[in-house]
Amino acid sequence: MAKLNSKGKSRDGYRYEVCRECGKEWNIARGQYIPPAGYLCPACTYGRKGARAYENNTEHGAGGRKRRS
């Protein structure tokens, strides 16, 4: 898979962007807004949200779900 710079390259009528975190190439919507910092793929976005939620839970002493006895 060829790496592309994050300028919204088009190939075969589709738009591709390279994730700024993992470097993988992703097919995205033509009109999708890309922030100046670069594209962030769904996998990296999900990972960031999960890490942030974990930090918030451990920070406040929640520690996760409790089991019923």
C-alpha atoms as a PDB file:
ATOM      1  CA  MET A   1       0.000   0.000   0.000  1.00  0.00           C
ATOM      2  CA  ALA A   2       1.541   3.280  -1.060  1.00  0.00           C
ATOM      3  CA  LYS A   3       1.708   6.016   1.561  1.00  0.00           C
ATOM      4  CA  LEU A   4       0.243   9.340   0.566  1.00  0.00           C
ATOM      5  CA  ASN A   5       0.688  12.745   2.078  1.00  0.00           C
ATOM      6  CA  SER A   6      -2.358  14.154   3.838  1.00  0.00           C
ATOM      7  CA  LYS A   7      -3.643  16.318   0.988  1.00  0.00           C
ATOM      8  CA  GLY A   8      -6.765  14.365   0.011  1.00  0.00           C
ATOM      9  CA  LYS A   9      -5.362  12.376  -2.903  1.00  0.00           C
ATOM     10  CA  SER A  10      -7.869  10.916  -5.305  1.00  0.00           C
ATOM     11  CA  ARG A  11      -7.580   7.531  -6.969  1.00  0.00           C
ATOM     12  CA  ASP A  12     -10.230   5.734  -9.017  1.00  0.00           C
ATOM     13  CA  GLY A  13     -12.789   8.360  -8.031  1.00  0.00           C
ATOM     14  CA  TYR A  14     -12.263   7.848  -4.279  1.00  0.00           C
ATOM     15  CA  ARG A  15     -10.551  10.074  -1.726  1.00  0.00           C
ATOM     16  CA  TYR A  16      -7.804   8.730   0.512  1.00  0.00           C
ATOM     17  CA  GLU A  17      -6.079  10.160   3.576  1.00  0.00           C
ATOM     18  CA  VAL A  18      -3.228   8.892   5.730  1.00  0.00           C
ATOM     19  CA  CYS A  19      -3.784   8.738   9.487  1.00  0.00           C
ATOM     20  CA  ARG A  20      -1.442  11.010  11.419  1.00  0.00           C
ATOM     21  CA  GLU A  21      -1.052   8.428  14.226  1.00  0.00           C
ATOM     22  CA  CYS A  22      -0.817   4.965  12.644  1.00  0.00           C
ATOM     23  CA  GLY A  23       0.157   5.957   9.085  1.00  0.00           C
ATOM     24  CA  LYS A  24      -2.450   3.715   7.444  1.00  0.00           C
ATOM     25  CA  GLU A  25      -4.270   4.847   4.332  1.00  0.00           C
ATOM     26  CA  TRP A  26      -8.044   5.248   4.662  1.00  0.00           C
ATOM     27  CA  ASN A  27     -10.827   5.779   2.127  1.00  0.00           C
ATOM     28  CA  ILE A  28     -12.873   8.757   3.321  1.00  0.00           C
ATOM     29  CA  ALA A  29     -15.916  10.731   2.180  1.00  0.00           C
ATOM     30  CA  ARG A  30     -15.250  13.322  -0.505  1.00  0.00           C
ATOM     31  CA  GLY A  31     -16.631  16.210   1.529  1.00  0.00           C
ATOM     32  CA  GLN A  32     -15.178  15.170   4.879  1.00  0.00           C
ATOM     33  CA  TYR A  33     -13.438  17.971   6.783  1.00  0.00           C
ATOM     34  CA  ILE A  34      -9.805  17.283   7.653  1.00  0.00           C
ATOM     35  CA  PRO A  35      -8.385  19.439  10.479  1.00  0.00           C
ATOM     36  CA  PRO A  36      -5.074  21.266   9.921  1.00  0.00           C
ATOM     37  CA  ALA A  37      -3.325  18.800  12.279  1.00  0.00           C
ATOM     38  CA  GLY A  38      -4.201  15.953   9.878  1.00  0.00           C
ATOM     39  CA  TYR A  39      -6.609  13.036   9.550  1.00  0.00           C
ATOM     40  CA  LEU A  40      -7.210  10.743  12.529  1.00  0.00           C
ATOM     41  CA  CYS A  41      -8.630   7.322  11.556  1.00  0.00           C
ATOM     42  CA  PRO A  42     -11.551   5.615  13.342  1.00  0.00           C
ATOM     43  CA  ALA A  43      -9.261   3.055  15.013  1.00  0.00           C
ATOM     44  CA  CYS A  44      -7.004   5.722  16.532  1.00  0.00           C
ATOM     45  CA  THR A  45      -9.986   7.885  17.510  1.00  0.00           C
ATOM     46  CA  TYR A  46     -11.588   4.924  19.299  1.00  0.00           C
ATOM     47  CA  GLY A  47      -8.300   4.135  21.074  1.00  0.00           C
ATOM     48  CA  ARG A  48      -7.931   7.709  22.280  1.00  0.00           C
ATOM     49  CA  LYS A  49     -11.506   7.823  23.589  1.00  0.00           C
ATOM     50  CA  GLY A  50     -11.036   4.526  25.428  1.00  0.00           C
ATOM     51  CA  ALA A  51      -7.778   5.673  27.007  1.00  0.00           C
ATOM     52  CA  ARG A  52      -9.326   8.974  28.027  1.00  0.00           C
ATOM     53  CA  ALA A  53     -12.338   7.243  29.598  1.00  0.00           C
ATOM     54  CA  TYR A  54     -10.043   4.889  31.526  1.00  0.00           C
ATOM     55  CA  GLU A  55      -7.997   7.830  32.831  1.00  0.00           C
ATOM     56  CA  ASN A  56     -11.144   9.633  33.943  1.00  0.00           C
ATOM     57  CA  ASN A  57     -12.500   6.549  35.751  1.00  0.00           C
ATOM     58  CA  THR A  58      -9.286   5.766  37.610  1.00  0.00           C
ATOM     59  CA  GLU A  59      -8.692   9.441  38.390  1.00  0.00           C
ATOM     60  CA  HIS A  60     -12.024   9.751  40.207  1.00  0.00           C
ATOM     61  CA  GLY A  61     -11.859   6.398  41.939  1.00  0.00           C
ATOM     62  CA  ALA A  62     -14.653   4.793  39.927  1.00  0.00           C
ATOM     63  CA  GLY A  63     -12.486   1.863  38.821  1.00  0.00           C
ATOM     64  CA  GLY A  64     -15.092   0.425  36.508  1.00  0.00           C
ATOM     65  CA  ARG A  65     -18.364  -1.443  36.823  1.00  0.00           C
ATOM     66  CA  LYS A  66     -19.245  -3.281  39.977  1.00  0.00           C
ATOM     67  CA  ARG A  67     -20.664  -6.776  39.905  1.00  0.00           C
ATOM     68  CA  ARG A  68     -23.904  -7.679  41.514  1.00  0.00           C
ATOM     69  CA  SER A  69     -23.727 -10.386  44.161  1.00  0.00           C
END
